[in-house]
Amino acid sequence: MLGNKHPRMLEVFADDADALALLTEVYQAPSVHDEFLRYLHRQGFDIPLSVLERDVTEAWVLHPELVHTFRGIYENETENWTVYEACEELVDLEDNFQLWRFRHLKTVQRIIGMKPGTGGSSGAGFLQKALELTFFPELFAVRTEVGR
């Protein structure tokens, strides 16, 4: 048992105590996104306490209140150049990961079509849904707000 959290994705490592311990530690650690928001807070940007103290084992969801913070950064990129550049690096990371997801989907469709995938997934359908996911939703949502 992993404390009060026992994520299904780690069950496959139940017979390898070292791997399970390492992966559990990583699973329970703040993400790059969490750490970036903590950095912004330390730099004086308005990051809600509920975001800073969230349960990092829960999937990230869009926090609309952060869009306002990012709007200020994007509308004043000269004054916020370092943070603006970091935001754009995260967007680049997201773009590259999405391209990898898309290529993976197309490879699976080419090889097995719409058959069930490995590990019991629905295959291409699962990968298609993954294209709708985003790591940094506020950094994409802010683009609709900038310049309004």
N, C-alpha and C. Protein backbone atom coordinates (compact mmCIF):
# COMPACT_ATOMS: atom_id res chain seq x y z
N MET A 1 0.84 -1.18 0.00
CA MET A 1 0.00 0.00 0.00
C MET A 1 0.88 1.24 0.00
N LEU A 2 0.48 2.26 -0.71
CA LEU A 2 1.26 3.48 -0.85
C LEU A 2 0.69 4.58 0.04
N GLY A 3 0.67 4.36 1.32
CA GLY A 3 0.02 5.34 2.20
C GLY A 3 -1.46 5.35 1.90
N ASN A 4 -2.04 6.53 1.83
CA ASN A 4 -3.47 6.59 1.50
C ASN A 4 -3.70 6.65 0.00
N LYS A 5 -2.64 6.67 -0.79
CA LYS A 5 -2.75 6.69 -2.25
C LYS A 5 -2.17 5.39 -2.81
N HIS A 6 -2.93 4.71 -3.61
CA HIS A 6 -2.44 3.50 -4.26
C HIS A 6 -2.85 3.57 -5.72
N PRO A 7 -2.12 4.35 -6.51
CA PRO A 7 -2.50 4.50 -7.91
C PRO A 7 -2.36 3.20 -8.67
N ARG A 8 -3.37 2.92 -9.46
CA ARG A 8 -3.39 1.68 -10.24
C ARG A 8 -2.18 1.54 -11.15
N MET A 9 -1.70 2.68 -11.67
CA MET A 9 -0.58 2.61 -12.61
C MET A 9 0.69 2.09 -11.97
N LEU A 10 0.80 2.14 -10.65
CA LEU A 10 2.00 1.64 -9.97
C LEU A 10 1.88 0.20 -9.52
N GLU A 11 0.70 -0.38 -9.60
CA GLU A 11 0.49 -1.75 -9.15
C GLU A 11 1.38 -2.75 -9.88
N VAL A 12 1.73 -2.46 -11.13
CA VAL A 12 2.56 -3.40 -11.90
C VAL A 12 3.96 -3.52 -11.30
N PHE A 13 4.34 -2.59 -10.41
CA PHE A 13 5.66 -2.64 -9.79
C PHE A 13 5.61 -3.20 -8.37
N ALA A 14 4.49 -3.80 -8.00
CA ALA A 14 4.31 -4.31 -6.64
C ALA A 14 5.38 -5.34 -6.26
N ASP A 15 5.92 -6.07 -7.22
CA ASP A 15 6.93 -7.09 -6.94
C ASP A 15 8.36 -6.56 -6.98
N ASP A 16 8.52 -5.27 -7.24
CA ASP A 16 9.85 -4.66 -7.30
C ASP A 16 9.86 -3.47 -6.34
N ALA A 17 10.22 -3.76 -5.08
CA ALA A 17 10.13 -2.74 -4.02
C ALA A 17 10.93 -1.48 -4.34
N ASP A 18 12.10 -1.62 -4.93
CA ASP A 18 12.92 -0.44 -5.23
C ASP A 18 12.26 0.43 -6.29
N ALA A 19 11.79 -0.20 -7.36
CA ALA A 19 11.11 0.56 -8.42
C ALA A 19 9.84 1.20 -7.89
N LEU A 20 9.08 0.45 -7.10
CA LEU A 20 7.84 0.98 -6.54
C LEU A 20 8.12 2.18 -5.65
N ALA A 21 9.15 2.10 -4.82
CA ALA A 21 9.50 3.21 -3.93
C ALA A 21 9.90 4.45 -4.74
N LEU A 22 10.73 4.26 -5.75
CA LEU A 22 11.19 5.37 -6.57
C LEU A 22 10.01 6.02 -7.31
N LEU A 23 9.19 5.21 -7.94
CA LEU A 23 8.07 5.73 -8.70
C LEU A 23 7.02 6.38 -7.80
N THR A 24 6.83 5.85 -6.62
CA THR A 24 5.90 6.45 -5.67
C THR A 24 6.40 7.83 -5.25
N GLU A 25 7.69 7.93 -5.01
CA GLU A 25 8.28 9.23 -4.65
C GLU A 25 8.06 10.26 -5.76
N VAL A 26 8.30 9.85 -7.00
CA VAL A 26 8.10 10.75 -8.13
C VAL A 26 6.63 11.11 -8.28
N TYR A 27 5.76 10.13 -8.13
CA TYR A 27 4.31 10.35 -8.25
C TYR A 27 3.82 11.37 -7.22
N GLN A 28 4.38 11.33 -6.04
CA GLN A 28 3.92 12.20 -4.96
C GLN A 28 4.65 13.54 -4.93
N ALA A 29 5.59 13.76 -5.84
CA ALA A 29 6.35 15.01 -5.89
C ALA A 29 5.61 16.03 -6.77
N PRO A 30 5.84 17.31 -6.50
CA PRO A 30 5.24 18.35 -7.36
C PRO A 30 5.73 18.22 -8.80
N SER A 31 4.88 18.55 -9.73
CA SER A 31 5.23 18.51 -11.15
C SER A 31 6.03 19.75 -11.54
N VAL A 32 6.53 19.77 -12.76
CA VAL A 32 7.20 20.96 -13.30
C VAL A 32 6.24 22.14 -13.23
N HIS A 33 4.98 21.91 -13.57
CA HIS A 33 3.98 22.98 -13.52
C HIS A 33 3.81 23.51 -12.10
N ASP A 34 3.69 22.61 -11.14
CA ASP A 34 3.56 23.02 -9.74
C ASP A 34 4.77 23.86 -9.31
N GLU A 35 5.95 23.40 -9.65
CA GLU A 35 7.17 24.12 -9.26
C GLU A 35 7.25 25.48 -9.95
N PHE A 36 6.82 25.54 -11.20
CA PHE A 36 6.83 26.82 -11.91
C PHE A 36 5.88 27.82 -11.23
N LEU A 37 4.70 27.34 -10.85
CA LEU A 37 3.75 28.23 -10.17
C LEU A 37 4.29 28.67 -8.82
N ARG A 38 5.01 27.82 -8.13
CA ARG A 38 5.64 28.20 -6.85
C ARG A 38 6.72 29.26 -7.10
N TYR A 39 7.46 29.09 -8.18
CA TYR A 39 8.46 30.09 -8.56
C TYR A 39 7.78 31.44 -8.82
N LEU A 40 6.70 31.42 -9.59
CA LEU A 40 5.97 32.67 -9.87
C LEU A 40 5.51 33.33 -8.57
N HIS A 41 5.01 32.54 -7.66
CA HIS A 41 4.58 33.07 -6.36
C HIS A 41 5.75 33.74 -5.63
N ARG A 42 6.90 33.09 -5.63
CA ARG A 42 8.09 33.67 -4.98
C ARG A 42 8.53 34.96 -5.66
N GLN A 43 8.21 35.10 -6.95
CA GLN A 43 8.56 36.30 -7.69
C GLN A 43 7.51 37.41 -7.54
N GLY A 44 6.47 37.14 -6.75
CA GLY A 44 5.46 38.16 -6.48
C GLY A 44 4.21 38.10 -7.33
N PHE A 45 4.09 37.08 -8.16
CA PHE A 45 2.88 36.95 -8.98
C PHE A 45 1.76 36.34 -8.14
N ASP A 46 0.54 36.68 -8.50
CA ASP A 46 -0.64 36.24 -7.75
C ASP A 46 -0.98 34.80 -8.11
N ILE A 47 -0.61 33.89 -7.23
CA ILE A 47 -0.94 32.47 -7.38
C ILE A 47 -1.75 32.09 -6.14
N PRO A 48 -3.00 31.65 -6.33
CA PRO A 48 -3.85 31.32 -5.19
C PRO A 48 -3.24 30.24 -4.29
N LEU A 49 -3.44 30.39 -3.00
CA LEU A 49 -2.94 29.42 -2.03
C LEU A 49 -3.50 28.02 -2.31
N SER A 50 -4.74 27.95 -2.78
CA SER A 50 -5.34 26.65 -3.09
C SER A 50 -4.57 25.92 -4.19
N VAL A 51 -3.96 26.67 -5.09
CA VAL A 51 -3.13 26.07 -6.14
C VAL A 51 -1.79 25.65 -5.57
N LEU A 52 -1.20 26.51 -4.75
CA LEU A 52 0.11 26.22 -4.18
C LEU A 52 0.09 25.03 -3.23
N GLU A 53 -1.04 24.82 -2.57
CA GLU A 53 -1.14 23.74 -1.57
C GLU A 53 -1.97 22.55 -2.06
N ARG A 54 -2.17 22.45 -3.35
CA ARG A 54 -3.03 21.39 -3.89
C ARG A 54 -2.39 20.01 -3.68
N ASP A 55 -3.21 18.98 -3.76
CA ASP A 55 -2.73 17.60 -3.72
C ASP A 55 -2.09 17.31 -5.08
N VAL A 56 -0.77 17.21 -5.11
CA VAL A 56 -0.07 17.06 -6.39
C VAL A 56 -0.27 15.69 -7.03
N THR A 57 -0.90 14.76 -6.33
CA THR A 57 -1.19 13.46 -6.94
C THR A 57 -2.48 13.50 -7.75
N GLU A 58 -3.22 14.59 -7.63
CA GLU A 58 -4.44 14.76 -8.42
C GLU A 58 -4.09 15.36 -9.77
N ALA A 59 -4.80 14.97 -10.80
CA ALA A 59 -4.56 15.51 -12.14
C ALA A 59 -4.81 17.02 -12.15
N TRP A 60 -3.99 17.72 -12.89
CA TRP A 60 -4.14 19.17 -13.02
C TRP A 60 -5.40 19.47 -13.83
N VAL A 61 -6.13 20.46 -13.40
CA VAL A 61 -7.28 20.97 -14.15
C VAL A 61 -7.08 22.47 -14.34
N LEU A 62 -7.73 23.01 -15.32
CA LEU A 62 -7.64 24.45 -15.60
C LEU A 62 -8.07 25.24 -14.37
N HIS A 63 -7.26 26.20 -13.99
CA HIS A 63 -7.59 27.13 -12.91
C HIS A 63 -7.79 28.50 -13.56
N PRO A 64 -9.04 28.89 -13.83
CA PRO A 64 -9.31 30.15 -14.53
C PRO A 64 -8.66 31.37 -13.88
N GLU A 65 -8.52 31.35 -12.54
CA GLU A 65 -7.91 32.50 -11.86
C GLU A 65 -6.45 32.69 -12.26
N LEU A 66 -5.78 31.64 -12.72
CA LEU A 66 -4.41 31.77 -13.17
C LEU A 66 -4.29 32.44 -14.53
N VAL A 67 -5.34 32.36 -15.32
CA VAL A 67 -5.31 32.98 -16.65
C VAL A 67 -5.08 34.48 -16.50
N HIS A 68 -5.68 35.09 -15.49
CA HIS A 68 -5.48 36.52 -15.24
C HIS A 68 -4.00 36.81 -14.94
N THR A 69 -3.38 35.97 -14.14
CA THR A 69 -1.95 36.14 -13.82
C THR A 69 -1.12 36.05 -15.09
N PHE A 70 -1.38 35.04 -15.91
CA PHE A 70 -0.61 34.89 -17.14
C PHE A 70 -0.90 36.00 -18.14
N ARG A 71 -2.11 36.51 -18.12
CA ARG A 71 -2.43 37.65 -19.00
C ARG A 71 -1.53 38.84 -18.67
N GLY A 72 -1.34 39.11 -17.38
CA GLY A 72 -0.44 40.19 -16.97
C GLY A 72 0.97 39.97 -17.45
N ILE A 73 1.42 38.74 -17.41
CA ILE A 73 2.77 38.41 -17.88
C ILE A 73 2.88 38.62 -19.38
N TYR A 74 1.91 38.12 -20.14
CA TYR A 74 1.95 38.19 -21.59
C TYR A 74 1.72 39.61 -22.11
N GLU A 75 0.93 40.40 -21.41
CA GLU A 75 0.68 41.77 -21.86
C GLU A 75 1.82 42.71 -21.47
N ASN A 76 2.72 42.26 -20.62
CA ASN A 76 3.88 43.05 -20.20
C ASN A 76 5.14 42.20 -20.31
N GLU A 77 5.33 41.60 -21.49
CA GLU A 77 6.43 40.64 -21.62
C GLU A 77 7.80 41.30 -21.45
N THR A 78 7.95 42.56 -21.79
CA THR A 78 9.25 43.22 -21.62
C THR A 78 9.64 43.28 -20.15
N GLU A 79 8.69 43.67 -19.30
CA GLU A 79 8.95 43.76 -17.86
C GLU A 79 9.07 42.37 -17.22
N ASN A 80 8.48 41.38 -17.84
CA ASN A 80 8.43 40.02 -17.30
C ASN A 80 9.17 39.04 -18.20
N TRP A 81 10.23 39.51 -18.85
CA TRP A 81 10.86 38.72 -19.92
C TRP A 81 11.25 37.31 -19.49
N THR A 82 11.90 37.16 -18.36
CA THR A 82 12.36 35.84 -17.92
C THR A 82 11.18 34.89 -17.72
N VAL A 83 10.16 35.39 -17.07
CA VAL A 83 8.97 34.56 -16.81
C VAL A 83 8.23 34.29 -18.12
N TYR A 84 8.12 35.31 -18.97
CA TYR A 84 7.47 35.15 -20.28
C TYR A 84 8.18 34.06 -21.09
N GLU A 85 9.50 34.12 -21.13
CA GLU A 85 10.29 33.12 -21.85
C GLU A 85 10.08 31.72 -21.27
N ALA A 86 10.01 31.63 -19.95
CA ALA A 86 9.76 30.33 -19.31
C ALA A 86 8.39 29.79 -19.72
N CYS A 87 7.40 30.66 -19.75
CA CYS A 87 6.06 30.26 -20.20
C CYS A 87 6.11 29.71 -21.62
N GLU A 88 6.82 30.40 -22.48
CA GLU A 88 6.92 29.96 -23.87
C GLU A 88 7.70 28.65 -24.01
N GLU A 89 8.68 28.43 -23.14
CA GLU A 89 9.39 27.15 -23.14
C GLU A 89 8.44 26.02 -22.74
N LEU A 90 7.56 26.28 -21.77
CA LEU A 90 6.57 25.27 -21.38
C LEU A 90 5.60 24.99 -22.52
N VAL A 91 5.21 26.02 -23.25
CA VAL A 91 4.34 25.83 -24.41
C VAL A 91 5.06 25.01 -25.48
N ASP A 92 6.34 25.28 -25.69
CA ASP A 92 7.13 24.47 -26.64
C ASP A 92 7.17 23.01 -26.21
N LEU A 93 7.37 22.78 -24.92
CA LEU A 93 7.38 21.41 -24.39
C LEU A 93 6.04 20.73 -24.68
N GLU A 94 4.96 21.44 -24.41
CA GLU A 94 3.62 20.92 -24.69
C GLU A 94 3.45 20.59 -26.16
N ASP A 95 3.84 21.52 -27.03
CA ASP A 95 3.72 21.30 -28.48
C ASP A 95 4.47 20.05 -28.91
N ASN A 96 5.68 19.91 -28.43
CA ASN A 96 6.48 18.74 -28.81
C ASN A 96 5.87 17.44 -28.31
N PHE A 97 5.33 17.48 -27.10
CA PHE A 97 4.70 16.27 -26.57
C PHE A 97 3.44 15.94 -27.37
N GLN A 98 2.68 16.96 -27.77
CA GLN A 98 1.48 16.73 -28.57
C GLN A 98 1.84 16.15 -29.94
N LEU A 99 2.93 16.62 -30.52
CA LEU A 99 3.38 16.05 -31.79
C LEU A 99 3.74 14.58 -31.62
N TRP A 100 4.40 14.26 -30.50
CA TRP A 100 4.73 12.87 -30.23
C TRP A 100 3.45 12.05 -30.07
N ARG A 101 2.47 12.58 -29.34
CA ARG A 101 1.19 11.87 -29.17
C ARG A 101 0.53 11.61 -30.52
N PHE A 102 0.52 12.64 -31.37
CA PHE A 102 -0.11 12.50 -32.69
C PHE A 102 0.60 11.44 -33.52
N ARG A 103 1.93 11.49 -33.53
CA ARG A 103 2.69 10.49 -34.30
C ARG A 103 2.46 9.08 -33.75
N HIS A 104 2.38 8.97 -32.43
CA HIS A 104 2.10 7.67 -31.81
C HIS A 104 0.74 7.15 -32.26
N LEU A 105 -0.27 8.02 -32.21
CA LEU A 105 -1.61 7.65 -32.67
C LEU A 105 -1.57 7.16 -34.12
N LYS A 106 -0.91 7.91 -34.99
CA LYS A 106 -0.88 7.54 -36.41
C LYS A 106 -0.12 6.24 -36.63
N THR A 107 0.93 6.00 -35.86
CA THR A 107 1.68 4.75 -35.97
C THR A 107 0.80 3.58 -35.55
N VAL A 108 0.09 3.73 -34.45
CA VAL A 108 -0.81 2.67 -33.97
C VAL A 108 -1.89 2.40 -35.00
N GLN A 109 -2.51 3.44 -35.54
CA GLN A 109 -3.55 3.25 -36.56
C GLN A 109 -3.00 2.52 -37.78
N ARG A 110 -1.79 2.86 -38.15
CA ARG A 110 -1.17 2.24 -39.32
C ARG A 110 -0.86 0.76 -39.09
N ILE A 111 -0.47 0.43 -37.85
CA ILE A 111 -0.04 -0.94 -37.56
C ILE A 111 -1.20 -1.85 -37.15
N ILE A 112 -2.05 -1.39 -36.21
CA ILE A 112 -3.12 -2.28 -35.72
C ILE A 112 -4.52 -1.75 -35.98
N GLY A 113 -4.62 -0.62 -36.64
CA GLY A 113 -5.95 -0.06 -36.91
C GLY A 113 -6.64 0.33 -35.62
N MET A 114 -7.88 -0.10 -35.48
CA MET A 114 -8.69 0.27 -34.32
C MET A 114 -8.83 -0.89 -33.32
N LYS A 115 -7.93 -1.89 -33.42
CA LYS A 115 -7.96 -3.01 -32.46
C LYS A 115 -7.59 -2.51 -31.07
N PRO A 116 -7.94 -3.29 -30.04
CA PRO A 116 -7.50 -2.91 -28.68
C PRO A 116 -5.98 -2.83 -28.61
N GLY A 117 -5.51 -1.91 -27.78
CA GLY A 117 -4.07 -1.71 -27.67
C GLY A 117 -3.43 -2.59 -26.62
N THR A 118 -2.16 -2.39 -26.43
CA THR A 118 -1.43 -3.14 -25.43
C THR A 118 -1.85 -2.66 -24.04
N GLY A 119 -1.70 -3.52 -23.07
CA GLY A 119 -2.04 -3.15 -21.70
C GLY A 119 -3.53 -3.03 -21.47
N GLY A 120 -4.33 -3.49 -22.42
CA GLY A 120 -5.78 -3.45 -22.23
C GLY A 120 -6.44 -2.13 -22.59
N SER A 121 -5.68 -1.21 -23.17
CA SER A 121 -6.27 0.08 -23.55
C SER A 121 -7.16 -0.11 -24.78
N SER A 122 -7.92 0.91 -25.10
CA SER A 122 -8.78 0.85 -26.28
C SER A 122 -8.00 1.14 -27.55
N GLY A 123 -6.68 1.29 -27.44
CA GLY A 123 -5.84 1.49 -28.61
C GLY A 123 -5.93 2.90 -29.15
N ALA A 124 -6.21 3.00 -30.45
CA ALA A 124 -6.24 4.31 -31.11
C ALA A 124 -7.25 5.25 -30.46
N GLY A 125 -8.36 4.72 -30.00
CA GLY A 125 -9.36 5.57 -29.33
C GLY A 125 -8.80 6.24 -28.09
N PHE A 126 -8.05 5.47 -27.31
CA PHE A 126 -7.39 6.01 -26.12
C PHE A 126 -6.40 7.11 -26.50
N LEU A 127 -5.61 6.85 -27.53
CA LEU A 127 -4.61 7.82 -27.96
C LEU A 127 -5.26 9.07 -28.54
N GLN A 128 -6.38 8.90 -29.22
CA GLN A 128 -7.11 10.04 -29.78
C GLN A 128 -7.58 10.96 -28.65
N LYS A 129 -8.12 10.38 -27.58
CA LYS A 129 -8.57 11.18 -26.43
C LYS A 129 -7.40 11.88 -25.75
N ALA A 130 -6.23 11.25 -25.76
CA ALA A 130 -5.05 11.85 -25.13
C ALA A 130 -4.65 13.15 -25.82
N LEU A 131 -4.99 13.30 -27.09
CA LEU A 131 -4.68 14.54 -27.81
C LEU A 131 -5.45 15.73 -27.25
N GLU A 132 -6.53 15.47 -26.52
CA GLU A 132 -7.32 16.55 -25.93
C GLU A 132 -6.73 17.04 -24.61
N LEU A 133 -5.77 16.30 -24.06
CA LEU A 133 -5.18 16.66 -22.78
C LEU A 133 -4.12 17.74 -22.97
N THR A 134 -3.94 18.56 -21.95
CA THR A 134 -2.89 19.57 -21.98
C THR A 134 -2.24 19.67 -20.60
N PHE A 135 -0.93 19.87 -20.60
CA PHE A 135 -0.21 20.01 -19.34
C PHE A 135 -0.39 21.39 -18.72
N PHE A 136 -0.47 22.40 -19.55
CA PHE A 136 -0.47 23.79 -19.11
C PHE A 136 -1.67 24.54 -19.69
N PRO A 137 -2.88 24.17 -19.29
CA PRO A 137 -4.07 24.74 -19.93
C PRO A 137 -4.17 26.27 -19.85
N GLU A 138 -3.67 26.84 -18.77
CA GLU A 138 -3.76 28.30 -18.62
C GLU A 138 -2.88 29.02 -19.65
N LEU A 139 -1.76 28.40 -20.03
CA LEU A 139 -0.87 29.02 -21.01
C LEU A 139 -1.47 29.00 -22.41
N PHE A 140 -2.44 28.16 -22.64
CA PHE A 140 -3.16 28.18 -23.91
C PHE A 140 -4.40 29.06 -23.79
N ALA A 141 -5.08 29.01 -22.66
CA ALA A 141 -6.28 29.82 -22.46
C ALA A 141 -5.95 31.31 -22.49
N VAL A 142 -4.79 31.70 -22.02
CA VAL A 142 -4.43 33.11 -21.97
C VAL A 142 -4.36 33.73 -23.36
N ARG A 143 -4.08 32.96 -24.37
CA ARG A 143 -3.96 33.47 -25.73
C ARG A 143 -5.27 34.05 -26.24
N THR A 144 -6.38 33.51 -25.73
CA THR A 144 -7.69 34.05 -26.09
C THR A 144 -7.92 35.39 -25.42
N GLU A 145 -7.31 35.59 -24.26
CA GLU A 145 -7.53 36.80 -23.46
C GLU A 145 -6.62 37.96 -23.83
N VAL A 146 -5.40 37.67 -24.28
CA VAL A 146 -4.44 38.73 -24.56
C VAL A 146 -4.92 39.58 -25.72
N GLY A 147 -4.84 40.89 -25.54
CA GLY A 147 -5.21 41.82 -26.60
C GLY A 147 -6.69 42.14 -26.69
N ARG A 148 -7.46 41.67 -25.75
CA ARG A 148 -8.91 41.96 -25.75
C ARG A 148 -9.14 43.35 -25.24
